[in-house]
PDB file of N, CA and C in Angstrom:
ATOM      1  N   MET A   1     224.916 127.186  -2.354  1.00  0.00           N
ATOM      2  CA  MET A   1     225.934 127.490  -0.907  1.00  0.00           C
ATOM      3  C   MET A   1     226.392 128.299  -0.558  1.00  0.00           C
ATOM      4  N   ASP A   2     227.070 129.152  -1.358  1.00  0.00           N
ATOM      5  CA  ASP A   2     227.994 129.871  -1.023  1.00  0.00           C
ATOM      6  C   ASP A   2     227.239 131.391  -0.100  1.00  0.00           C
ATOM      7  N   GLY A   3     225.647 131.360  -0.710  1.00  0.00           N
ATOM      8  CA  GLY A   3     224.640 132.404  -0.266  1.00  0.00           C
ATOM      9  C   GLY A   3     224.856 131.956   1.329  1.00  0.00           C
ATOM     10  N   THR A   4     224.617 130.687   1.923  1.00  0.00           N
ATOM     11  CA  THR A   4     224.079 130.324   2.743  1.00  0.00           C
ATOM     12  C   THR A   4     225.695 130.333   4.053  1.00  0.00           C
ATOM     13  N   ALA A   5     226.586 130.399   3.871  1.00  0.00           N
ATOM     14  CA  ALA A   5     227.701 130.516   4.348  1.00  0.00           C
ATOM     15  C   ALA A   5     227.639 132.501   4.496  1.00  0.00           C
ATOM     16  N   ILE A   6     227.622 132.903   3.741  1.00  0.00           N
ATOM     17  CA  ILE A   6     227.657 134.148   3.868  1.00  0.00           C
ATOM     18  C   ILE A   6     226.492 134.631   5.010  1.00  0.00           C
ATOM     19  N   LEU A   7     225.370 134.045   4.778  1.00  0.00           N
ATOM     20  CA  LEU A   7     224.176 134.403   5.417  1.00  0.00           C
ATOM     21  C   LEU A   7     224.375 134.020   7.208  1.00  0.00           C
ATOM     22  N   PHE A   8     224.948 132.740   7.208  1.00  0.00           N
ATOM     23  CA  PHE A   8     224.994 132.227   8.653  1.00  0.00           C
ATOM     24  C   PHE A   8     226.601 133.200   9.412  1.00  0.00           C
ATOM     25  N   ILE A   9     226.918 133.473   8.646  1.00  0.00           N
ATOM     26  CA  ILE A   9     228.566 133.926   8.806  1.00  0.00           C
ATOM     27  C   ILE A   9     227.223 136.060   9.494  1.00  0.00           C
ATOM     28  N   LEU A  10     226.649 136.170   8.792  1.00  0.00           N
ATOM     29  CA  LEU A  10     225.886 137.634   9.258  1.00  0.00           C
ATOM     30  C   LEU A  10     225.151 137.480  10.169  1.00  0.00           C
ATOM     31  N   ALA A  11     224.647 136.541  10.303  1.00  0.00           N
ATOM     32  CA  ALA A  11     223.640 135.949  11.489  1.00  0.00           C
ATOM     33  C   ALA A  11     224.486 135.834  13.111  1.00  0.00           C
ATOM     34  N   VAL A  12     225.786 134.936  12.933  1.00  0.00           N
ATOM     35  CA  VAL A  12     226.282 134.945  13.716  1.00  0.00           C
ATOM     36  C   VAL A  12     226.996 135.992  14.108  1.00  0.00           C
ATOM     37  N   ALA A  13     227.078 137.013  13.470  1.00  0.00           N
ATOM     38  CA  ALA A  13     227.779 138.529  13.780  1.00  0.00           C
ATOM     39  C   ALA A  13     226.600 139.168  14.378  1.00  0.00           C
ATOM     40  N   GLY A  14     225.715 139.003  13.863  1.00  0.00           N
ATOM     41  CA  GLY A  14     224.931 139.895  14.482  1.00  0.00           C
ATOM     42  C   GLY A  14     224.160 139.361  15.947  1.00  0.00           C
ATOM     43  N   VAL A  15     224.024 138.165  16.051  1.00  0.00           N
ATOM     44  CA  VAL A  15     224.200 137.783  17.517  1.00  0.00           C
ATOM     45  C   VAL A  15     224.976 138.185  18.242  1.00  0.00           C
ATOM     46  N   ALA A  16     226.369 138.182  18.152  1.00  0.00           N
ATOM     47  CA  ALA A  16     227.162 138.754  18.765  1.00  0.00           C
ATOM     48  C   ALA A  16     227.232 140.068  19.260  1.00  0.00           C
ATOM     49  N   SER A  17     226.950 140.548  18.124  1.00  0.00           N
ATOM     50  CA  SER A  17     226.572 142.365  18.337  1.00  0.00           C
ATOM     51  C   SER A  17     225.847 142.857  19.379  1.00  0.00           C
ATOM     52  N   ILE A  18     224.442 142.018  19.168  1.00  0.00           N
ATOM     53  CA  ILE A  18     223.502 142.130  20.675  1.00  0.00           C
ATOM     54  C   ILE A  18     223.663 141.388  21.531  1.00  0.00           C
ATOM     55  N   CYS A  19     224.432 140.478  21.919  1.00  0.00           N
ATOM     56  CA  CYS A  19     224.960 140.127  23.173  1.00  0.00           C
ATOM     57  C   CYS A  19     226.403 141.202  23.595  1.00  0.00           C
ATOM     58  N   LEU A  20     227.202 141.549  22.733  1.00  0.00           N
ATOM     59  CA  LEU A  20     228.269 142.543  23.139  1.00  0.00           C
ATOM     60  C   LEU A  20     227.121 144.179  23.539  1.00  0.00           C
ATOM     61  N   PHE A  21     225.784 144.471  22.764  1.00  0.00           N
ATOM     62  CA  PHE A  21     225.807 145.503  22.885  1.00  0.00           C
ATOM     63  C   PHE A  21     224.868 145.093  24.961  1.00  0.00           C
ATOM     64  N   THR A  22     224.133 144.143  24.701  1.00  0.00           N
ATOM     65  CA  THR A  22     223.670 144.063  26.185  1.00  0.00           C
ATOM     66  C   THR A  22     224.016 143.784  27.209  1.00  0.00           C
ATOM     67  N   THR A  23     225.797 143.376  26.735  1.00  0.00           N
ATOM     68  CA  THR A  23     226.419 143.304  28.038  1.00  0.00           C
ATOM     69  C   THR A  23     226.822 144.031  28.423  1.00  0.00           C
ATOM     70  N   LYS A  24     227.205 145.338  27.210  1.00  0.00           N
ATOM     71  CA  LYS A  24     227.899 146.765  27.953  1.00  0.00           C
ATOM     72  C   LYS A  24     226.821 147.796  28.302  1.00  0.00           C
ATOM     73  N   GLY A  25     225.329 147.330  28.133  1.00  0.00           N
ATOM     74  CA  GLY A  25     224.302 148.013  28.579  1.00  0.00           C
ATOM     75  C   GLY A  25     224.204 147.308  30.154  1.00  0.00           C
ATOM     76  N   LEU A  26     224.516 146.422  30.310  1.00  0.00           N
ATOM     77  CA  LEU A  26     224.630 145.803  31.898  1.00  0.00           C
ATOM     78  C   LEU A  26     225.613 145.894  32.697  1.00  0.00           C
ATOM     79  N   LEU A  27     226.453 146.290  32.384  1.00  0.00           N
ATOM     80  CA  LEU A  27     228.069 146.636  33.175  1.00  0.00           C
ATOM     81  C   LEU A  27     227.965 148.049  32.816  1.00  0.00           C
ATOM     82  N   ASP A  28     227.562 149.012  32.197  1.00  0.00           N
ATOM     83  CA  ASP A  28     227.114 150.399  32.622  1.00  0.00           C
ATOM     84  C   ASP A  28     226.414 150.657  33.789  1.00  0.00           C
ATOM     85  N   GLN A  29     225.459 149.819  34.203  1.00  0.00           N
ATOM     86  CA  GLN A  29     224.378 150.093  35.215  1.00  0.00           C
ATOM     87  C   GLN A  29     225.039 149.434  36.587  1.00  0.00           C
ATOM     88  N   VAL A  30     226.329 148.869  36.356  1.00  0.00           N
ATOM     89  CA  VAL A  30     227.166 148.261  38.048  1.00  0.00           C
ATOM     90  C   VAL A  30     226.836 149.699  38.978  1.00  0.00           C
ATOM     91  N   PRO A  31     227.982 150.694  38.419  1.00  0.00           N
ATOM     92  CA  PRO A  31     228.520 151.707  39.483  1.00  0.00           C
ATOM     93  C   PRO A  31     227.361 152.209  39.719  1.00  0.00           C
ATOM     94  N   ASP A  32     225.919 152.586  39.351  1.00  0.00           N
ATOM     95  CA  ASP A  32     224.683 152.958  40.241  1.00  0.00           C
ATOM     96  C   ASP A  32     224.219 152.011  40.998  1.00  0.00           C
ATOM     97  N   VAL A  33     224.418 150.688  40.791  1.00  0.00           N
ATOM     98  CA  VAL A  33     223.607 150.155  41.865  1.00  0.00           C
ATOM     99  C   VAL A  33     224.357 149.603  42.975  1.00  0.00           C
ATOM    100  N   ILE A  34     225.819 149.702  42.696  1.00  0.00           N
ATOM    101  CA  ILE A  34     226.640 149.615  43.883  1.00  0.00           C
ATOM    102  C   ILE A  34     226.285 150.824  44.623  1.00  0.00           C
ATOM    103  N   ARG A  35     226.339 151.939  43.868  1.00  0.00           N
ATOM    104  CA  ARG A  35     226.363 153.416  44.911  1.00  0.00           C
ATOM    105  C   ARG A  35     224.393 153.282  45.618  1.00  0.00           C
ATOM    106  N   SER A  36     223.739 152.827  44.877  1.00  0.00           N
ATOM    107  CA  SER A  36     222.494 152.381  45.583  1.00  0.00           C
ATOM    108  C   SER A  36     222.842 151.397  46.758  1.00  0.00           C
ATOM    109  N   ALA A  37     223.551 150.419  46.840  1.00  0.00           N
ATOM    110  CA  ALA A  37     223.565 149.511  47.600  1.00  0.00           C
ATOM    111  C   ALA A  37     224.370 149.849  48.683  1.00  0.00           C
ATOM    112  N   GLY A  38     225.100 150.826  48.434  1.00  0.00           N
ATOM    113  CA  GLY A  38     225.997 151.740  49.724  1.00  0.00           C
ATOM    114  C   GLY A  38     224.800 152.914  50.460  1.00  0.00           C
ATOM    115  N   GLN A  39     224.197 153.013  49.695  1.00  0.00           N
ATOM    116  CA  GLN A  39     223.074 154.055  50.842  1.00  0.00           C
ATOM    117  C   GLN A  39     222.292 153.588  51.296  1.00  0.00           C
ATOM    118  N   VAL A  40     221.873 152.519  50.813  1.00  0.00           N
ATOM    119  CA  VAL A  40     221.102 151.325  51.357  1.00  0.00           C
ATOM    120  C   VAL A  40     221.333 150.774  52.857  1.00  0.00           C
ATOM    121  N   ARG A  41     222.712 150.817  52.516  1.00  0.00           N
ATOM    122  CA  ARG A  41     223.501 150.151  54.039  1.00  0.00           C
ATOM    123  C   ARG A  41     223.501 151.269  55.018  1.00  0.00           C
ATOM    124  N   ASP A  42     223.889 152.879  54.414  1.00  0.00           N
ATOM    125  CA  ASP A  42     224.226 153.419  54.889  1.00  0.00           C
ATOM    126  C   ASP A  42     222.599 153.736  55.749  1.00  0.00           C
ATOM    127  N   GLU A  43     221.315 153.877  55.001  1.00  0.00           N
ATOM    128  CA  GLU A  43     220.112 154.293  55.941  1.00  0.00           C
ATOM    129  C   GLU A  43     219.654 153.356  56.728  1.00  0.00           C
ATOM    130  N   TRP A  44     220.028 151.980  56.240  1.00  0.00           N
ATOM    131  CA  TRP A  44     219.828 150.586  57.189  1.00  0.00           C
ATOM    132  C   TRP A  44     220.487 150.925  58.814  1.00  0.00           C
ATOM    133  N   GLU A  45     221.344 150.938  58.412  1.00  0.00           N
ATOM    134  CA  GLU A  45     222.304 151.698  60.192  1.00  0.00           C
ATOM    135  C   GLU A  45     221.864 152.422  60.823  1.00  0.00           C
ATOM    136  N   ARG A  46     221.822 153.556  60.056  1.00  0.00           N
ATOM    137  CA  ARG A  46     221.077 154.779  60.631  1.00  0.00           C
ATOM    138  C   ARG A  46     220.086 154.261  61.533  1.00  0.00           C
ATOM    139  N   PHE A  47     218.896 153.770  60.959  1.00  0.00           N
ATOM    140  CA  PHE A  47     217.570 153.212  61.029  1.00  0.00           C
ATOM    141  C   PHE A  47     217.810 152.233  62.686  1.00  0.00           C
ATOM    142  N   LYS A  48     219.190 151.553  62.050  1.00  0.00           N
ATOM    143  CA  LYS A  48     218.778 150.372  63.590  1.00  0.00           C
ATOM    144  C   LYS A  48     219.696 151.490  64.747  1.00  0.00           C
ATOM    145  N   LYS A  49     220.508 152.482  64.287  1.00  0.00           N
ATOM    146  CA  LYS A  49     221.136 153.243  65.495  1.00  0.00           C
ATOM    147  C   LYS A  49     220.112 153.709  66.307  1.00  0.00           C
ATOM    148  N   LYS A  50     219.070 154.499  65.401  1.00  0.00           N
ATOM    149  CA  LYS A  50     217.991 155.508  65.921  1.00  0.00           C
ATOM    150  C   LYS A  50     217.235 154.399  66.591  1.00  0.00           C
ATOM    151  N   HIS A  51     216.954 153.549  66.142  1.00  0.00           N
ATOM    152  CA  HIS A  51     215.681 151.878  66.806  1.00  0.00           C
ATOM    153  C   HIS A  51     216.171 151.462  67.783  1.00  0.00           C
ATOM    154  N   ASP A  52     217.390 151.395  68.058  1.00  0.00           N
ATOM    155  CA  ASP A  52     218.558 150.881  69.378  1.00  0.00           C
ATOM    156  C   ASP A  52     218.389 151.663  70.753  1.00  0.00           C
ATOM    157  N   GLU A  53     218.656 153.435  70.530  1.00  0.00           N
ATOM    158  CA  GLU A  53     218.519 153.859  71.492  1.00  0.00           C
ATOM    159  C   GLU A  53     216.893 154.006  72.368  1.00  0.00           C
ATOM    160  N   ALA A  54     217.188 153.616  73.614  1.00  0.00           N
ATOM    161  CA  ALA A  54     215.627 153.609  74.453  1.00  0.00           C
ATOM    162  C   ALA A  54     215.293 154.967  74.385  1.00  0.00           C
ATOM    163  N   PRO A  55     214.064 155.028  73.946  1.00  0.00           N
ATOM    164  CA  PRO A  55     213.363 156.374  74.247  1.00  0.00           C
ATOM    165  C   PRO A  55     213.080 157.002  75.358  1.00  0.00           C
ATOM    166  N   LYS A  56     213.470 158.115  75.345  1.00  0.00           N
ATOM    167  CA  LYS A  56     213.599 158.948  76.788  1.00  0.00           C
ATOM    168  C   LYS A  56     212.523 159.702  77.232  1.00  0.00           C
ATOM    169  N   PRO A  57     211.954 159.826  77.992  1.00  0.00           N
ATOM    170  CA  PRO A  57     210.874 160.410  78.544  1.00  0.00           C
ATOM    171  C   PRO A  57     210.901 162.340  78.675  1.00  0.00           C
ATOM    172  N   ASP A  58     209.879 162.342  78.495  1.00  0.00           N
ATOM    173  CA  ASP A  58     209.624 163.766  78.257  1.00  0.00           C
ATOM    174  C   ASP A  58     209.631 164.292  79.297  1.00  0.00           C
ATOM    175  N   ASP A  59     210.166 165.005  80.334  1.00  0.00           N
ATOM    176  CA  ASP A  59     210.195 165.694  81.453  1.00  0.00           C
ATOM    177  C   ASP A  59     208.859 166.618  81.577  1.00  0.00           C
ATOM    178  N   THR A  60     208.862 168.107  80.505  1.00  0.00           N
ATOM    179  CA  THR A  60     208.507 168.750  80.600  1.00  0.00           C
ATOM    180  C   THR A  60     206.823 168.331  80.477  1.00  0.00           C
ATOM    181  N   GLU A  61     206.406 167.657  79.822  1.00  0.00           N
ATOM    182  CA  GLU A  61     205.341 167.316  79.635  1.00  0.00           C
ATOM    183  C   GLU A  61     204.971 166.670  80.762  1.00  0.00           C
ATOM    184  N   GLU A  62     203.106 167.531  81.533  1.00  0.00           N
ATOM    185  CA  GLU A  62     202.604 166.054  82.858  1.00  0.00           C
ATOM    186  C   GLU A  62     201.647 165.284  81.954  1.00  0.00           C
ATOM    187  N   PRO A  63     201.525 164.159  82.942  1.00  0.00           N
ATOM    188  CA  PRO A  63     200.335 163.640  82.276  1.00  0.00           C
ATOM    189  C   PRO A  63     198.766 164.220  82.524  1.00  0.00           C
ATOM    190  N   PRO A  64     198.092 163.971  81.357  1.00  0.00           N
ATOM    191  CA  PRO A  64     196.727 164.082  82.016  1.00  0.00           C
ATOM    192  C   PRO A  64     195.943 163.997  82.953  1.00  0.00           C
ATOM    193  N   PRO A  65     195.324 164.477  83.261  1.00  0.00           N
ATOM    194  CA  PRO A  65     194.354 164.205  84.714  1.00  0.00           C
ATOM    195  C   PRO A  65     193.718 163.341  84.623  1.00  0.00           C
ATOM    196  N   PRO A  66     193.198 162.595  85.558  1.00  0.00           N
ATOM    197  CA  PRO A  66     192.493 161.668  85.465  1.00  0.00           C
ATOM    198  C   PRO A  66     190.851 162.030  84.986  1.00  0.00           C
ATOM    199  N   VAL A  67     190.340 161.159  84.515  1.00  0.00           N
ATOM    200  CA  VAL A  67     188.973 161.248  84.053  1.00  0.00           C
ATOM    201  C   VAL A  67     187.873 160.788  85.157  1.00  0.00           C
ATOM    202  N   THR A  68     187.082 161.132  85.868  1.00  0.00           N
ATOM    203  CA  THR A  68     185.966 160.918  86.681  1.00  0.00           C
ATOM    204  C   THR A  68     184.912 161.087  86.118  1.00  0.00           C
ATOM    205  N   VAL A  69     184.112 160.153  86.155  1.00  0.00           N
ATOM    206  CA  VAL A  69     182.902 159.503  85.356  1.00  0.00           C
ATOM    207  C   VAL A  69     182.235 159.495  87.021  1.00  0.00           C
ATOM    208  N   LEU A  70     181.025 160.350  86.373  1.00  0.00           N
ATOM    209  CA  LEU A  70     179.844 160.117  87.635  1.00  0.00           C
ATOM    210  C   LEU A  70     178.761 159.455  87.481  1.00  0.00           C
ATOM    211  N   ALA A  71     178.375 158.269  88.117  1.00  0.00           N
ATOM    212  CA  ALA A  71     177.363 157.283  88.420  1.00  0.00           C
ATOM    213  C   ALA A  71     176.206 157.826  88.445  1.00  0.00           C
ATOM    214  N   ASP A  72     175.582 157.966  87.577  1.00  0.00           N
ATOM    215  CA  ASP A  72     173.807 158.498  87.439  1.00  0.00           C
ATOM    216  C   ASP A  72     172.973 157.512  87.519  1.00  0.00           C
ATOM    217  N   ASP A  73     172.837 156.972  88.409  1.00  0.00           N
ATOM    218  CA  ASP A  73     171.619 155.804  88.551  1.00  0.00           C
ATOM    219  C   ASP A  73     170.078 156.130  88.103  1.00  0.00           C
ATOM    220  N   GLU A  74     169.909 157.316  87.932  1.00  0.00           N
ATOM    221  CA  GLU A  74     168.297 157.679  87.896  1.00  0.00           C
ATOM    222  C   GLU A  74     168.445 157.904  85.938  1.00  0.00           C
ATOM    223  N   GLN A  75     169.189 158.106  85.454  1.00  0.00           N
ATOM    224  CA  GLN A  75     169.155 158.028  84.281  1.00  0.00           C
ATOM    225  C   GLN A  75     169.241 157.168  83.590  1.00  0.00           C
ATOM    226  N   GLU A  76     168.180 156.833  82.489  1.00  0.00           N
ATOM    227  CA  GLU A  76     167.590 155.552  81.823  1.00  0.00           C
ATOM    228  C   GLU A  76     169.139 155.137  80.902  1.00  0.00           C
ATOM    229  N   PRO A  77     169.143 154.214  80.267  1.00  0.00           N
ATOM    230  CA  PRO A  77     169.616 153.656  79.074  1.00  0.00           C
ATOM    231  C   PRO A  77     168.800 154.575  77.836  1.00  0.00           C
ATOM    232  N   PRO A  78     169.613 154.521  77.005  1.00  0.00           N
ATOM    233  CA  PRO A  78     168.693 155.003  75.498  1.00  0.00           C
ATOM    234  C   PRO A  78     168.161 154.397  74.994  1.00  0.00           C
ATOM    235  N   ALA A  79     166.741 154.069  74.433  1.00  0.00           N
ATOM    236  CA  ALA A  79     165.817 152.995  73.848  1.00  0.00           C
ATOM    237  C   ALA A  79     166.341 152.364  72.632  1.00  0.00           C
ATOM    238  N   ALA A  80     166.187 151.620  72.329  1.00  0.00           N
ATOM    239  CA  ALA A  80     166.640 150.839  71.074  1.00  0.00           C
ATOM    240  C   ALA A  80     165.663 151.325  69.676  1.00  0.00           C
ATOM    241  N   ALA A  81     166.144 151.602  68.781  1.00  0.00           N
ATOM    242  CA  ALA A  81     164.995 152.111  67.893  1.00  0.00           C
ATOM    243  C   ALA A  81     164.236 150.515  67.377  1.00  0.00           C
TER     244      ALA A  81
END
């Protein structure tokens, strides 16, 4: 009976130490998660601001000349293989 109580106490202490170790590991990551969330928020705002602006036409570029296709009635369509 005496050995069972000692094993029970050791088991509870082991579970408690594992829980504390895991909790400490998670809490150590919180500042990085908050920092990353702030960066994501800033990038999202920049993305929205960039796409909210109306695109401005480029006045320096001329439109391409129209393509004229000559209708040649004498030419036969290609033969099917």
